[in-house]
Amino acid sequence: MADRPTKSWLDAVLFWGGFAVLSGVLIIAAQAVEAAGAMSPTSFWGGIKIAMLGSALGVMILGGASLAWFFLQLRWLLLMAHELEAAV
């Protein structure tokens, strides 16, 4: 039977993709707000716009991680089925 650490690593791929989305928004938005100092609505929304660029990159990373997770999960299931067949 395939080992549990391998399964944990497969699930971690998807987790880190989601984490990339959140960290992109938070870090870049915080930098934009800090750089602006006193906030006007224009500078606030400018910071949000900059943060969305980070989010877009994070979503692309999440998409790649999700695809990797899907294919690795499929490989995991095929290995498990193969081992069950061999055990019979």
PDB file of N, CA and C in Angstrom:
ATOM      1  N   MET A   1       0.848  -1.187   0.000  1.00  0.00           N
ATOM      2  CA  MET A   1       0.000   0.000   0.000  1.00  0.00           C
ATOM      3  C   MET A   1       0.890   1.246   0.000  1.00  0.00           C
ATOM      4  N   ALA A   2       0.508   2.258  -0.767  1.00  0.00           N
ATOM      5  CA  ALA A   2       1.285   3.500  -0.831  1.00  0.00           C
ATOM      6  C   ALA A   2       1.249   4.196   0.529  1.00  0.00           C
ATOM      7  N   ASP A   3       2.306   4.927   0.829  1.00  0.00           N
ATOM      8  CA  ASP A   3       2.423   5.520   2.157  1.00  0.00           C
ATOM      9  C   ASP A   3       1.602   6.795   2.304  1.00  0.00           C
ATOM     10  N   ARG A   4       1.187   7.066   3.536  1.00  0.00           N
ATOM     11  CA  ARG A   4       0.367   8.243   3.852  1.00  0.00           C
ATOM     12  C   ARG A   4       1.091   9.569   3.627  1.00  0.00           C
ATOM     13  N   PRO A   5       2.407   9.679   3.881  1.00  0.00           N
ATOM     14  CA  PRO A   5       3.076  10.958   3.605  1.00  0.00           C
ATOM     15  C   PRO A   5       2.931  11.413   2.161  1.00  0.00           C
ATOM     16  N   THR A   6       2.919  10.474   1.235  1.00  0.00           N
ATOM     17  CA  THR A   6       2.735  10.843  -0.176  1.00  0.00           C
ATOM     18  C   THR A   6       1.378  11.494  -0.372  1.00  0.00           C
ATOM     19  N   LYS A   7       0.335  10.938   0.226  1.00  0.00           N
ATOM     20  CA  LYS A   7      -1.010  11.510   0.138  1.00  0.00           C
ATOM     21  C   LYS A   7      -1.039  12.902   0.758  1.00  0.00           C
ATOM     22  N   SER A   8      -0.359  13.082   1.865  1.00  0.00           N
ATOM     23  CA  SER A   8      -0.315  14.395   2.517  1.00  0.00           C
ATOM     24  C   SER A   8       0.337  15.438   1.620  1.00  0.00           C
ATOM     25  N   TRP A   9       1.396  15.042   0.923  1.00  0.00           N
ATOM     26  CA  TRP A   9       2.055  15.972   0.011  1.00  0.00           C
ATOM     27  C   TRP A   9       1.149  16.347  -1.152  1.00  0.00           C
ATOM     28  N   LEU A  10       0.370  15.404  -1.618  1.00  0.00           N
ATOM     29  CA  LEU A  10      -0.561  15.694  -2.713  1.00  0.00           C
ATOM     30  C   LEU A  10      -1.586  16.742  -2.274  1.00  0.00           C
ATOM     31  N   ASP A  11      -2.114  16.594  -1.067  1.00  0.00           N
ATOM     32  CA  ASP A  11      -3.085  17.560  -0.562  1.00  0.00           C
ATOM     33  C   ASP A  11      -2.445  18.915  -0.278  1.00  0.00           C
ATOM     34  N   ALA A  12      -1.174  18.917   0.085  1.00  0.00           N
ATOM     35  CA  ALA A  12      -0.476  20.175   0.371  1.00  0.00           C
ATOM     36  C   ALA A  12      -0.333  21.040  -0.874  1.00  0.00           C
ATOM     37  N   VAL A  13      -0.233  20.434  -2.042  1.00  0.00           N
ATOM     38  CA  VAL A  13      -0.118  21.193  -3.291  1.00  0.00           C
ATOM     39  C   VAL A  13      -1.317  22.116  -3.452  1.00  0.00           C
ATOM     40  N   LEU A  14      -2.510  21.603  -3.207  1.00  0.00           N
ATOM     41  CA  LEU A  14      -3.712  22.411  -3.339  1.00  0.00           C
ATOM     42  C   LEU A  14      -3.783  23.491  -2.266  1.00  0.00           C
ATOM     43  N   PHE A  15      -3.400  23.153  -1.044  1.00  0.00           N
ATOM     44  CA  PHE A  15      -3.423  24.122   0.048  1.00  0.00           C
ATOM     45  C   PHE A  15      -2.539  25.323  -0.264  1.00  0.00           C
ATOM     46  N   TRP A  16      -1.316  25.078  -0.715  1.00  0.00           N
ATOM     47  CA  TRP A  16      -0.385  26.179  -0.964  1.00  0.00           C
ATOM     48  C   TRP A  16      -0.815  27.046  -2.137  1.00  0.00           C
ATOM     49  N   GLY A  17      -1.533  26.478  -3.080  1.00  0.00           N
ATOM     50  CA  GLY A  17      -2.089  27.290  -4.160  1.00  0.00           C
ATOM     51  C   GLY A  17      -3.105  28.286  -3.629  1.00  0.00           C
ATOM     52  N   GLY A  18      -3.973  27.842  -2.732  1.00  0.00           N
ATOM     53  CA  GLY A  18      -4.941  28.745  -2.101  1.00  0.00           C
ATOM     54  C   GLY A  18      -4.262  29.788  -1.230  1.00  0.00           C
ATOM     55  N   PHE A  19      -3.220  29.378  -0.540  1.00  0.00           N
ATOM     56  CA  PHE A  19      -2.478  30.299   0.303  1.00  0.00           C
ATOM     57  C   PHE A  19      -1.829  31.400  -0.530  1.00  0.00           C
ATOM     58  N   ALA A  20      -1.383  31.081  -1.728  1.00  0.00           N
ATOM     59  CA  ALA A  20      -0.759  32.077  -2.606  1.00  0.00           C
ATOM     60  C   ALA A  20      -1.744  33.187  -2.955  1.00  0.00           C
ATOM     61  N   VAL A  21      -3.010  32.831  -3.166  1.00  0.00           N
ATOM     62  CA  VAL A  21      -4.026  33.838  -3.484  1.00  0.00           C
ATOM     63  C   VAL A  21      -4.192  34.807  -2.320  1.00  0.00           C
ATOM     64  N   LEU A  22      -4.361  34.274  -1.129  1.00  0.00           N
ATOM     65  CA  LEU A  22      -4.577  35.126   0.042  1.00  0.00           C
ATOM     66  C   LEU A  22      -3.363  35.988   0.367  1.00  0.00           C
ATOM     67  N   SER A  23      -2.189  35.410   0.311  1.00  0.00           N
ATOM     68  CA  SER A  23      -1.001  36.189   0.643  1.00  0.00           C
ATOM     69  C   SER A  23      -0.757  37.293  -0.374  1.00  0.00           C
ATOM     70  N   GLY A  24      -1.068  37.054  -1.636  1.00  0.00           N
ATOM     71  CA  GLY A  24      -0.908  38.096  -2.645  1.00  0.00           C
ATOM     72  C   GLY A  24      -1.770  39.303  -2.357  1.00  0.00           C
ATOM     73  N   VAL A  25      -3.019  39.065  -1.973  1.00  0.00           N
ATOM     74  CA  VAL A  25      -3.924  40.172  -1.655  1.00  0.00           C
ATOM     75  C   VAL A  25      -3.447  40.919  -0.425  1.00  0.00           C
ATOM     76  N   LEU A  26      -3.166  40.213   0.629  1.00  0.00           N
ATOM     77  CA  LEU A  26      -2.835  40.858   1.896  1.00  0.00           C
ATOM     78  C   LEU A  26      -1.518  41.626   1.854  1.00  0.00           C
ATOM     79  N   ILE A  27      -0.504  41.030   1.308  1.00  0.00           N
ATOM     80  CA  ILE A  27       0.810  41.675   1.316  1.00  0.00           C
ATOM     81  C   ILE A  27       0.832  42.894   0.409  1.00  0.00           C
ATOM     82  N   ILE A  28       0.352  42.757  -0.793  1.00  0.00           N
ATOM     83  CA  ILE A  28       0.417  43.875  -1.732  1.00  0.00           C
ATOM     84  C   ILE A  28      -0.537  44.989  -1.318  1.00  0.00           C
ATOM     85  N   ALA A  29      -1.717  44.648  -0.807  1.00  0.00           N
ATOM     86  CA  ALA A  29      -2.646  45.683  -0.343  1.00  0.00           C
ATOM     87  C   ALA A  29      -2.053  46.439   0.835  1.00  0.00           C
ATOM     88  N   ALA A  30      -1.419  45.740   1.761  1.00  0.00           N
ATOM     89  CA  ALA A  30      -0.821  46.400   2.918  1.00  0.00           C
ATOM     90  C   ALA A  30       0.301  47.341   2.491  1.00  0.00           C
ATOM     91  N   GLN A  31       1.102  46.939   1.524  1.00  0.00           N
ATOM     92  CA  GLN A  31       2.171  47.812   1.037  1.00  0.00           C
ATOM     93  C   GLN A  31       1.612  49.061   0.368  1.00  0.00           C
ATOM     94  N   ALA A  32       0.557  48.912  -0.402  1.00  0.00           N
ATOM     95  CA  ALA A  32      -0.026  50.064  -1.098  1.00  0.00           C
ATOM     96  C   ALA A  32      -0.649  51.041  -0.108  1.00  0.00           C
ATOM     97  N   VAL A  33      -1.343  50.527   0.901  1.00  0.00           N
ATOM     98  CA  VAL A  33      -1.964  51.405   1.897  1.00  0.00           C
ATOM     99  C   VAL A  33      -0.886  52.107   2.711  1.00  0.00           C
ATOM    100  N   GLU A  34       0.158  51.400   3.089  1.00  0.00           N
ATOM    101  CA  GLU A  34       1.239  51.996   3.863  1.00  0.00           C
ATOM    102  C   GLU A  34       1.953  53.091   3.066  1.00  0.00           C
ATOM    103  N   ALA A  35       2.185  52.855   1.804  1.00  0.00           N
ATOM    104  CA  ALA A  35       2.871  53.839   0.962  1.00  0.00           C
ATOM    105  C   ALA A  35       2.032  55.095   0.764  1.00  0.00           C
ATOM    106  N   ALA A  36       0.706  54.947   0.785  1.00  0.00           N
ATOM    107  CA  ALA A  36      -0.172  56.081   0.540  1.00  0.00           C
ATOM    108  C   ALA A  36      -0.228  57.047   1.708  1.00  0.00           C
ATOM    109  N   GLY A  37       0.004  56.593   2.932  1.00  0.00           N
ATOM    110  CA  GLY A  37      -0.084  57.462   4.100  1.00  0.00           C
ATOM    111  C   GLY A  37      -1.530  57.803   4.380  1.00  0.00           C
ATOM    112  N   ALA A  38      -1.872  59.118   4.375  1.00  0.00           N
ATOM    113  CA  ALA A  38      -3.262  59.537   4.576  1.00  0.00           C
ATOM    114  C   ALA A  38      -4.072  59.064   3.371  1.00  0.00           C
ATOM    115  N   MET A  39      -5.178  58.421   3.649  1.00  0.00           N
ATOM    116  CA  MET A  39      -5.930  57.758   2.584  1.00  0.00           C
ATOM    117  C   MET A  39      -7.049  58.636   2.032  1.00  0.00           C
ATOM    118  N   SER A  40      -7.037  58.805   0.758  1.00  0.00           N
ATOM    119  CA  SER A  40      -8.177  59.386   0.056  1.00  0.00           C
ATOM    120  C   SER A  40      -8.856  58.231  -0.680  1.00  0.00           C
ATOM    121  N   PRO A  41     -10.115  58.402  -1.052  1.00  0.00           N
ATOM    122  CA  PRO A  41     -10.777  57.308  -1.786  1.00  0.00           C
ATOM    123  C   PRO A  41     -10.027  56.893  -3.047  1.00  0.00           C
ATOM    124  N   THR A  42      -9.426  57.844  -3.721  1.00  0.00           N
ATOM    125  CA  THR A  42      -8.685  57.524  -4.948  1.00  0.00           C
ATOM    126  C   THR A  42      -7.478  56.640  -4.640  1.00  0.00           C
ATOM    127  N   SER A  43      -6.717  57.010  -3.626  1.00  0.00           N
ATOM    128  CA  SER A  43      -5.542  56.201  -3.304  1.00  0.00           C
ATOM    129  C   SER A  43      -5.942  54.845  -2.730  1.00  0.00           C
ATOM    130  N   PHE A  44      -7.063  54.808  -1.992  1.00  0.00           N
ATOM    131  CA  PHE A  44      -7.537  53.531  -1.458  1.00  0.00           C
ATOM    132  C   PHE A  44      -7.867  52.567  -2.591  1.00  0.00           C
ATOM    133  N   TRP A  45      -8.646  53.041  -3.564  1.00  0.00           N
ATOM    134  CA  TRP A  45      -9.023  52.168  -4.672  1.00  0.00           C
ATOM    135  C   TRP A  45      -7.837  51.858  -5.573  1.00  0.00           C
ATOM    136  N   GLY A  46      -6.873  52.758  -5.623  1.00  0.00           N
ATOM    137  CA  GLY A  46      -5.638  52.449  -6.343  1.00  0.00           C
ATOM    138  C   GLY A  46      -4.896  51.295  -5.678  1.00  0.00           C
ATOM    139  N   GLY A  47      -4.895  51.277  -4.348  1.00  0.00           N
ATOM    140  CA  GLY A  47      -4.287  50.171  -3.606  1.00  0.00           C
ATOM    141  C   GLY A  47      -5.024  48.868  -3.841  1.00  0.00           C
ATOM    142  N   ILE A  48      -6.357  48.945  -3.892  1.00  0.00           N
ATOM    143  CA  ILE A  48      -7.148  47.745  -4.171  1.00  0.00           C
ATOM    144  C   ILE A  48      -6.822  47.217  -5.568  1.00  0.00           C
ATOM    145  N   LYS A  49      -6.671  48.134  -6.529  1.00  0.00           N
ATOM    146  CA  LYS A  49      -6.334  47.725  -7.894  1.00  0.00           C
ATOM    147  C   LYS A  49      -4.987  47.003  -7.922  1.00  0.00           C
ATOM    148  N   ILE A  50      -4.016  47.537  -7.210  1.00  0.00           N
ATOM    149  CA  ILE A  50      -2.696  46.900  -7.147  1.00  0.00           C
ATOM    150  C   ILE A  50      -2.799  45.537  -6.470  1.00  0.00           C
ATOM    151  N   ALA A  51      -3.619  45.449  -5.424  1.00  0.00           N
ATOM    152  CA  ALA A  51      -3.793  44.176  -4.733  1.00  0.00           C
ATOM    153  C   ALA A  51      -4.434  43.136  -5.639  1.00  0.00           C
ATOM    154  N   MET A  52      -5.309  43.566  -6.518  1.00  0.00           N
ATOM    155  CA  MET A  52      -5.962  42.624  -7.416  1.00  0.00           C
ATOM    156  C   MET A  52      -4.978  42.024  -8.421  1.00  0.00           C
ATOM    157  N   LEU A  53      -3.921  42.756  -8.750  1.00  0.00           N
ATOM    158  CA  LEU A  53      -2.883  42.202  -9.614  1.00  0.00           C
ATOM    159  C   LEU A  53      -2.204  41.019  -8.931  1.00  0.00           C
ATOM    160  N   GLY A  54      -1.942  41.176  -7.638  1.00  0.00           N
ATOM    161  CA  GLY A  54      -1.383  40.066  -6.868  1.00  0.00           C
ATOM    162  C   GLY A  54      -2.349  38.899  -6.790  1.00  0.00           C
ATOM    163  N   SER A  55      -3.630  39.212  -6.653  1.00  0.00           N
ATOM    164  CA  SER A  55      -4.642  38.158  -6.612  1.00  0.00           C
ATOM    165  C   SER A  55      -4.701  37.399  -7.922  1.00  0.00           C
ATOM    166  N   ALA A  56      -4.597  38.133  -9.025  1.00  0.00           N
ATOM    167  CA  ALA A  56      -4.633  37.473 -10.333  1.00  0.00           C
ATOM    168  C   ALA A  56      -3.463  36.500 -10.460  1.00  0.00           C
ATOM    169  N   LEU A  57      -2.289  36.900 -10.006  1.00  0.00           N
ATOM    170  CA  LEU A  57      -1.140  36.000 -10.029  1.00  0.00           C
ATOM    171  C   LEU A  57      -1.388  34.803  -9.111  1.00  0.00           C
ATOM    172  N   GLY A  58      -1.957  35.063  -7.945  1.00  0.00           N
ATOM    173  CA  GLY A  58      -2.271  33.985  -7.013  1.00  0.00           C
ATOM    174  C   GLY A  58      -3.275  33.004  -7.587  1.00  0.00           C
ATOM    175  N   VAL A  59      -4.259  33.520  -8.312  1.00  0.00           N
ATOM    176  CA  VAL A  59      -5.256  32.636  -8.939  1.00  0.00           C
ATOM    177  C   VAL A  59      -4.597  31.773 -10.010  1.00  0.00           C
ATOM    178  N   MET A  60      -3.649  32.333 -10.745  1.00  0.00           N
ATOM    179  CA  MET A  60      -2.933  31.529 -11.729  1.00  0.00           C
ATOM    180  C   MET A  60      -2.113  30.437 -11.046  1.00  0.00           C
ATOM    181  N   ILE A  61      -1.478  30.768  -9.930  1.00  0.00           N
ATOM    182  CA  ILE A  61      -0.725  29.768  -9.177  1.00  0.00           C
ATOM    183  C   ILE A  61      -1.674  28.694  -8.651  1.00  0.00           C
ATOM    184  N   LEU A  62      -2.841  29.133  -8.146  1.00  0.00           N
ATOM    185  CA  LEU A  62      -3.833  28.176  -7.658  1.00  0.00           C
ATOM    186  C   LEU A  62      -4.296  27.257  -8.785  1.00  0.00           C
ATOM    187  N   GLY A  63      -4.509  27.811  -9.967  1.00  0.00           N
ATOM    188  CA  GLY A  63      -4.916  26.984 -11.102  1.00  0.00           C
ATOM    189  C   GLY A  63      -3.877  25.925 -11.433  1.00  0.00           C
ATOM    190  N   GLY A  64      -2.622  26.321 -11.469  1.00  0.00           N
ATOM    191  CA  GLY A  64      -1.553  25.354 -11.726  1.00  0.00           C
ATOM    192  C   GLY A  64      -1.447  24.312 -10.626  1.00  0.00           C
ATOM    193  N   ALA A  65      -1.562  24.769  -9.378  1.00  0.00           N
ATOM    194  CA  ALA A  65      -1.502  23.828  -8.254  1.00  0.00           C
ATOM    195  C   ALA A  65      -2.693  22.883  -8.272  1.00  0.00           C
ATOM    196  N   SER A  66      -3.858  23.385  -8.646  1.00  0.00           N
ATOM    197  CA  SER A  66      -5.051  22.535  -8.709  1.00  0.00           C
ATOM    198  C   SER A  66      -4.907  21.467  -9.788  1.00  0.00           C
ATOM    199  N   LEU A  67      -4.363  21.851 -10.936  1.00  0.00           N
ATOM    200  CA  LEU A  67      -4.121  20.858 -11.984  1.00  0.00           C
ATOM    201  C   LEU A  67      -3.117  19.813 -11.535  1.00  0.00           C
ATOM    202  N   ALA A  68      -2.043  20.265 -10.889  1.00  0.00           N
ATOM    203  CA  ALA A  68      -1.046  19.322 -10.380  1.00  0.00           C
ATOM    204  C   ALA A  68      -1.680  18.402  -9.346  1.00  0.00           C
ATOM    205  N   TRP A  69      -2.495  18.979  -8.458  1.00  0.00           N
ATOM    206  CA  TRP A  69      -3.170  18.177  -7.438  1.00  0.00           C
ATOM    207  C   TRP A  69      -4.076  17.141  -8.083  1.00  0.00           C
ATOM    208  N   PHE A  70      -4.828  17.543  -9.093  1.00  0.00           N
ATOM    209  CA  PHE A  70      -5.741  16.620  -9.762  1.00  0.00           C
ATOM    210  C   PHE A  70      -4.987  15.436 -10.361  1.00  0.00           C
ATOM    211  N   PHE A  71      -3.909  15.732 -11.103  1.00  0.00           N
ATOM    212  CA  PHE A  71      -3.174  14.656 -11.752  1.00  0.00           C
ATOM    213  C   PHE A  71      -2.432  13.781 -10.743  1.00  0.00           C
ATOM    214  N   LEU A  72      -1.889  14.387  -9.696  1.00  0.00           N
ATOM    215  CA  LEU A  72      -1.228  13.586  -8.669  1.00  0.00           C
ATOM    216  C   LEU A  72      -2.234  12.742  -7.889  1.00  0.00           C
ATOM    217  N   GLN A  73      -3.416  13.300  -7.623  1.00  0.00           N
ATOM    218  CA  GLN A  73      -4.474  12.553  -6.946  1.00  0.00           C
ATOM    219  C   GLN A  73      -4.928  11.375  -7.813  1.00  0.00           C
ATOM    220  N   LEU A  74      -5.052  11.602  -9.104  1.00  0.00           N
ATOM    221  CA  LEU A  74      -5.430  10.531 -10.015  1.00  0.00           C
ATOM    222  C   LEU A  74      -4.366   9.440 -10.010  1.00  0.00           C
ATOM    223  N   ARG A  75      -3.109   9.841 -10.046  1.00  0.00           N
ATOM    224  CA  ARG A  75      -2.007   8.873  -9.995  1.00  0.00           C
ATOM    225  C   ARG A  75      -2.062   8.077  -8.697  1.00  0.00           C
ATOM    226  N   TRP A  76      -2.353   8.767  -7.587  1.00  0.00           N
ATOM    227  CA  TRP A  76      -2.478   8.110  -6.287  1.00  0.00           C
ATOM    228  C   TRP A  76      -3.579   7.047  -6.323  1.00  0.00           C
ATOM    229  N   LEU A  77      -4.716   7.394  -6.875  1.00  0.00           N
ATOM    230  CA  LEU A  77      -5.830   6.445  -6.934  1.00  0.00           C
ATOM    231  C   LEU A  77      -5.497   5.248  -7.822  1.00  0.00           C
ATOM    232  N   LEU A  78      -4.813   5.499  -8.924  1.00  0.00           N
ATOM    233  CA  LEU A  78      -4.411   4.400  -9.797  1.00  0.00           C
ATOM    234  C   LEU A  78      -3.407   3.481  -9.107  1.00  0.00           C
ATOM    235  N   LEU A  79      -2.473   4.043  -8.340  1.00  0.00           N
ATOM    236  CA  LEU A  79      -1.526   3.222  -7.598  1.00  0.00           C
ATOM    237  C   LEU A  79      -2.246   2.379  -6.542  1.00  0.00           C
ATOM    238  N   MET A  80      -3.204   2.985  -5.874  1.00  0.00           N
ATOM    239  CA  MET A  80      -3.966   2.256  -4.852  1.00  0.00           C
ATOM    240  C   MET A  80      -4.752   1.105  -5.491  1.00  0.00           C
ATOM    241  N   ALA A  81      -5.369   1.350  -6.637  1.00  0.00           N
ATOM    242  CA  ALA A  81      -6.127   0.305  -7.327  1.00  0.00           C
ATOM    243  C   ALA A  81      -5.193  -0.811  -7.785  1.00  0.00           C
ATOM    244  N   HIS A  82      -4.019  -0.445  -8.262  1.00  0.00           N
ATOM    245  CA  HIS A  82      -3.043  -1.440  -8.709  1.00  0.00           C
ATOM    246  C   HIS A  82      -2.582  -2.306  -7.537  1.00  0.00           C
ATOM    247  N   GLU A  83      -2.346  -1.689  -6.390  1.00  0.00           N
ATOM    248  CA  GLU A  83      -1.906  -2.457  -5.216  1.00  0.00           C
ATOM    249  C   GLU A  83      -3.013  -3.364  -4.697  1.00  0.00           C
ATOM    250  N   LEU A  84      -4.270  -2.900  -4.788  1.00  0.00           N
ATOM    251  CA  LEU A  84      -5.380  -3.751  -4.367  1.00  0.00           C
ATOM    252  C   LEU A  84      -5.519  -4.954  -5.300  1.00  0.00           C
ATOM    253  N   GLU A  85      -5.334  -4.744  -6.597  1.00  0.00           N
ATOM    254  CA  GLU A  85      -5.375  -5.850  -7.549  1.00  0.00           C
ATOM    255  C   GLU A  85      -4.246  -6.848  -7.284  1.00  0.00           C
ATOM    256  N   ALA A  86      -3.072  -6.353  -6.945  1.00  0.00           N
ATOM    257  CA  ALA A  86      -1.928  -7.216  -6.695  1.00  0.00           C
ATOM    258  C   ALA A  86      -2.124  -8.024  -5.411  1.00  0.00           C
ATOM    259  N   ALA A  87      -2.852  -7.450  -4.459  1.00  0.00           N
ATOM    260  CA  ALA A  87      -3.081  -8.132  -3.192  1.00  0.00           C
ATOM    261  C   ALA A  87      -4.082  -9.277  -3.341  1.00  0.00           C
ATOM    262  N   VAL A  88      -4.940  -9.222  -4.346  1.00  0.00           N
ATOM    263  CA  VAL A  88      -5.983 -10.245  -4.551  1.00  0.00           C
ATOM    264  C   VAL A  88      -5.459 -11.445  -5.210  1.00  0.00           C
TER     265      VAL A  88
END
